[in-house]
Amino acid sequence: MNYRVTVKKQVMDFAASLAPEPRRALRKGILGLAQEQGDIKALTDELAGWYRLRIGRHRVIFRYRPGRAIECVFAEERRLVYELFAAQIVQILSAGE
């Protein structure tokens, strides 16, 4: 059974900043989430409840939502993604996104 995948503005803006080939790979990876395909890993510690999808050197942070939905909320290069996302998680949760 498939999931409905939604993508937040930050992820779309990040994808738009990429060169064509990495952008295609990111899009393909996100579309694969509908069938829970890809290199998916649950995050731990202060990011528990969130998951990451690894697509080459990029990471997409997402969470499962009620009603068989997946919400992609943040994307960035591996070396930056966790630090930046942890800093912005309060804003994401308080905005109810």
Protein backbone atom coordinates (compact mmCIF):
# COMPACT_ATOMS: atom_id res chain seq x y z
CA MET A 1 0.00 0.00 0.00
CA ASN A 2 1.39 3.37 -1.02
CA TYR A 3 1.93 6.50 1.02
CA ARG A 4 0.93 9.99 -0.06
CA VAL A 5 4.12 12.06 -0.11
CA THR A 6 4.06 15.83 0.43
CA VAL A 7 7.07 18.09 0.01
CA LYS A 8 7.53 21.35 1.91
CA LYS A 9 8.84 24.56 0.36
CA GLN A 10 12.37 24.23 1.80
CA VAL A 11 12.81 20.88 0.03
CA MET A 12 11.51 22.29 -3.26
CA ASP A 13 13.79 25.33 -2.97
CA PHE A 14 16.78 23.12 -2.20
CA ALA A 15 16.03 20.86 -5.19
CA ALA A 16 15.74 23.91 -7.44
CA SER A 17 19.24 25.01 -6.39
CA LEU A 18 20.80 21.74 -7.57
CA ALA A 19 22.30 20.89 -10.95
CA PRO A 20 19.98 18.87 -13.23
CA GLU A 21 21.32 15.38 -12.45
CA PRO A 22 21.28 15.67 -8.63
CA ARG A 23 17.85 17.32 -8.89
CA ARG A 24 16.54 14.32 -10.88
CA ALA A 25 18.04 11.90 -8.34
CA LEU A 26 16.44 13.82 -5.46
CA ARG A 27 13.06 13.82 -7.19
CA LYS A 28 13.31 10.10 -7.96
CA GLY A 29 14.27 9.35 -4.35
CA ILE A 30 11.37 11.35 -2.94
CA LEU A 31 8.92 9.67 -5.31
CA GLY A 32 10.24 6.30 -4.11
CA LEU A 33 9.13 7.16 -0.58
CA ALA A 34 5.55 6.43 -1.65
CA GLN A 35 6.56 2.74 -1.61
CA GLU A 36 9.06 3.22 1.26
CA GLN A 37 11.93 2.60 -1.15
CA GLY A 38 15.41 3.99 -0.69
CA ASP A 39 18.02 4.25 2.03
CA ILE A 40 15.74 5.17 4.93
CA LYS A 41 16.94 5.39 8.51
CA ALA A 42 15.20 6.44 11.72
CA LEU A 43 16.94 9.32 13.49
CA THR A 44 17.77 9.15 17.18
CA ASP A 45 18.28 11.32 20.24
CA GLU A 46 16.85 14.84 19.84
CA LEU A 47 15.65 13.98 16.31
CA ALA A 48 13.75 10.84 17.34
CA GLY A 49 10.49 10.51 15.43
CA TRP A 50 12.08 11.82 12.23
CA TYR A 51 13.61 9.81 9.40
CA ARG A 52 16.21 10.49 6.77
CA LEU A 53 16.36 9.43 3.16
CA ARG A 54 19.88 9.25 1.75
CA ILE A 55 20.22 10.23 -1.90
CA GLY A 56 23.90 10.38 -2.77
CA ARG A 57 25.47 13.18 -0.77
CA HIS A 58 22.07 14.70 0.02
CA ARG A 59 19.64 13.90 2.80
CA VAL A 60 15.89 14.47 3.03
CA ILE A 61 14.35 14.64 6.51
CA PHE A 62 10.78 13.39 6.71
CA ARG A 63 8.15 12.06 9.08
CA TYR A 64 5.20 9.73 8.87
CA ARG A 65 1.81 11.38 9.28
CA PRO A 66 -1.62 9.90 9.99
CA GLY A 67 -3.51 8.54 7.00
CA ARG A 68 -0.55 6.84 5.28
CA ALA A 69 1.19 10.11 4.53
CA ILE A 70 4.86 11.06 4.45
CA GLU A 71 5.88 14.69 4.87
CA CYS A 72 9.31 15.74 3.54
CA VAL A 73 10.27 18.84 5.50
CA PHE A 74 14.00 19.48 5.03
CA ALA A 75 16.78 18.68 2.55
CA GLU A 76 20.46 19.56 2.48
CA GLU A 77 23.93 18.11 1.92
CA ARG A 78 24.93 15.40 4.36
CA ARG A 79 27.57 17.49 6.12
CA LEU A 80 25.01 20.18 7.03
CA VAL A 81 21.58 18.57 7.19
CA TYR A 82 21.37 17.35 10.79
CA GLU A 83 22.84 20.47 12.38
CA LEU A 84 20.64 22.82 10.35
CA PHE A 85 17.52 20.72 10.79
CA ALA A 86 17.99 20.42 14.55
CA ALA A 87 18.29 24.22 14.71
CA GLN A 88 15.06 24.67 12.72
CA ILE A 89 12.95 21.88 14.23
CA VAL A 90 11.39 24.24 16.77
CA GLN A 91 10.21 26.55 13.97
CA ILE A 92 8.80 23.62 11.98
CA LEU A 93 6.87 22.21 14.92
CA SER A 94 5.58 25.57 16.14
CA ALA A 95 4.29 26.45 12.66
CA GLY A 96 2.28 23.22 12.61
CA GLU A 97 3.68 22.23 9.23
